[in-house]
Amino acid sequence: MFGQTNYSRFIPSSGFIDVQQFANVEQLANRLIEVKSNSTLYEEYFHWKNDFQWGGFLHFMSPFCDLCLRLHLDQKVNIIENIHRWWFHQTCQPQVKDHFVIEK
């Protein structure tokens, strides 16, 4: 079944095509063809990326989202030698020396 994820939790509704908005697959296919054939219409789906700030961390917090955010925002080099120990034993603040993470 299509449309099981609520993408509006992550991005504005102007940034994706919600399959639930179509009565049947034919209507959805026609919309996809229309977007594919019109570069201006296609590019409108990406306008939200210019200034969108998602505040959903209060409602949706997962370790994977936090990890992804840190990977994209952290400026320093961070190497974790033992991901299992870091992940499961809450050693999220490892000692850093010469751009290498030293696990205890």
Protein backbone atom coordinates (compact mmCIF):
# COMPACT_ATOMS: atom_id res chain seq x y z
CA MET A 1 0.00 0.00 0.00
CA PHE A 2 1.32 3.43 -0.95
CA GLY A 3 1.58 6.47 1.30
CA GLN A 4 2.24 4.77 4.62
CA THR A 5 4.72 7.39 5.81
CA ASN A 6 3.67 10.85 6.91
CA TYR A 7 6.35 12.80 5.04
CA SER A 8 4.93 16.11 6.28
CA ARG A 9 6.58 15.28 9.63
CA PHE A 10 9.92 15.84 7.89
CA ILE A 11 9.38 18.35 5.08
CA PRO A 12 6.61 20.76 4.00
CA SER A 13 3.82 19.28 1.92
CA SER A 14 5.01 21.41 -1.01
CA GLY A 15 8.14 19.26 -1.18
CA PHE A 16 6.62 15.91 -2.13
CA ILE A 17 3.74 14.29 -3.97
CA ASP A 18 1.29 12.74 -1.52
CA VAL A 19 -0.16 9.65 -3.17
CA GLN A 20 -3.12 9.77 -0.78
CA GLN A 21 -4.31 12.90 -2.60
CA PHE A 22 -5.11 10.92 -5.76
CA ALA A 23 -8.23 8.85 -6.29
CA ASN A 24 -6.42 6.21 -8.33
CA VAL A 25 -3.08 5.23 -9.79
CA GLU A 26 -3.94 6.74 -13.17
CA GLN A 27 -4.36 10.21 -11.65
CA LEU A 28 -1.08 9.80 -9.78
CA ALA A 29 0.69 8.69 -12.96
CA ASN A 30 -0.68 11.71 -14.84
CA ARG A 31 0.63 14.04 -12.13
CA LEU A 32 4.06 12.40 -12.20
CA ILE A 33 4.21 12.76 -15.98
CA GLU A 34 3.13 16.41 -15.67
CA VAL A 35 5.88 17.16 -13.13
CA LYS A 36 8.47 15.26 -15.16
CA SER A 37 7.58 17.23 -18.28
CA ASN A 38 7.65 20.67 -16.66
CA SER A 39 11.01 21.73 -15.19
CA THR A 40 9.50 24.76 -13.43
CA LEU A 41 6.89 22.60 -11.73
CA TYR A 42 9.55 20.02 -10.83
CA GLU A 43 11.84 22.65 -9.29
CA GLU A 44 9.00 23.95 -7.10
CA TYR A 45 9.25 20.74 -5.08
CA PHE A 46 12.72 21.83 -3.93
CA HIS A 47 12.06 25.47 -2.97
CA TRP A 48 11.45 24.49 0.66
CA LYS A 49 15.11 23.49 1.01
CA ASN A 50 16.28 27.11 0.75
CA ASP A 51 14.96 28.27 4.11
CA PHE A 52 13.13 25.45 5.84
CA GLN A 53 14.05 24.73 9.46
CA TRP A 54 12.56 21.62 10.93
CA GLY A 55 11.57 21.85 14.59
CA GLY A 56 10.36 18.29 14.93
CA PHE A 57 13.03 17.07 17.31
CA LEU A 58 10.74 17.71 20.24
CA HIS A 59 8.18 15.33 18.77
CA PHE A 60 10.38 12.94 16.83
CA MET A 61 13.73 12.09 18.33
CA SER A 62 15.66 9.02 17.41
CA PRO A 63 19.32 8.16 17.74
CA PHE A 64 19.59 7.76 13.99
CA CYS A 65 18.23 11.25 13.31
CA ASP A 66 20.61 12.66 15.90
CA LEU A 67 23.52 10.78 14.32
CA CYS A 68 22.60 12.06 10.86
CA LEU A 69 22.30 15.61 12.14
CA ARG A 70 25.69 15.40 13.84
CA LEU A 71 27.32 13.93 10.74
CA HIS A 72 26.09 16.87 8.68
CA LEU A 73 26.64 19.68 11.18
CA ASP A 74 29.80 18.79 13.09
CA GLN A 75 32.86 20.57 11.73
CA LYS A 76 35.56 18.54 13.46
CA VAL A 77 36.81 15.15 12.35
CA ASN A 78 35.33 12.45 14.54
CA ILE A 79 36.45 8.84 14.29
CA ILE A 80 34.85 6.29 16.57
CA GLU A 81 36.96 3.17 16.91
CA ASN A 82 34.31 1.08 18.65
CA ILE A 83 30.81 2.04 17.51
CA HIS A 84 29.20 -0.67 19.66
CA ARG A 85 30.74 0.70 22.84
CA TRP A 86 29.97 4.28 21.82
CA TRP A 87 26.36 3.47 20.92
CA PHE A 88 25.36 1.10 23.71
CA HIS A 89 27.49 2.23 26.63
CA GLN A 90 26.69 5.93 26.33
CA THR A 91 30.22 7.10 25.74
CA CYS A 92 29.03 9.82 23.41
CA GLN A 93 31.74 12.24 24.47
CA PRO A 94 34.94 10.36 23.65
CA GLN A 95 38.34 11.88 24.22
CA VAL A 96 39.65 13.51 21.05
CA LYS A 97 43.38 13.72 20.32
CA ASP A 98 44.96 14.71 17.00
CA HIS A 99 41.63 14.27 15.19
CA PHE A 100 41.34 10.65 16.29
CA VAL A 101 38.89 9.38 18.86
CA ILE A 102 40.49 7.46 21.68
CA GLU A 103 38.07 5.01 23.28
CA LYS A 104 38.57 4.11 26.93
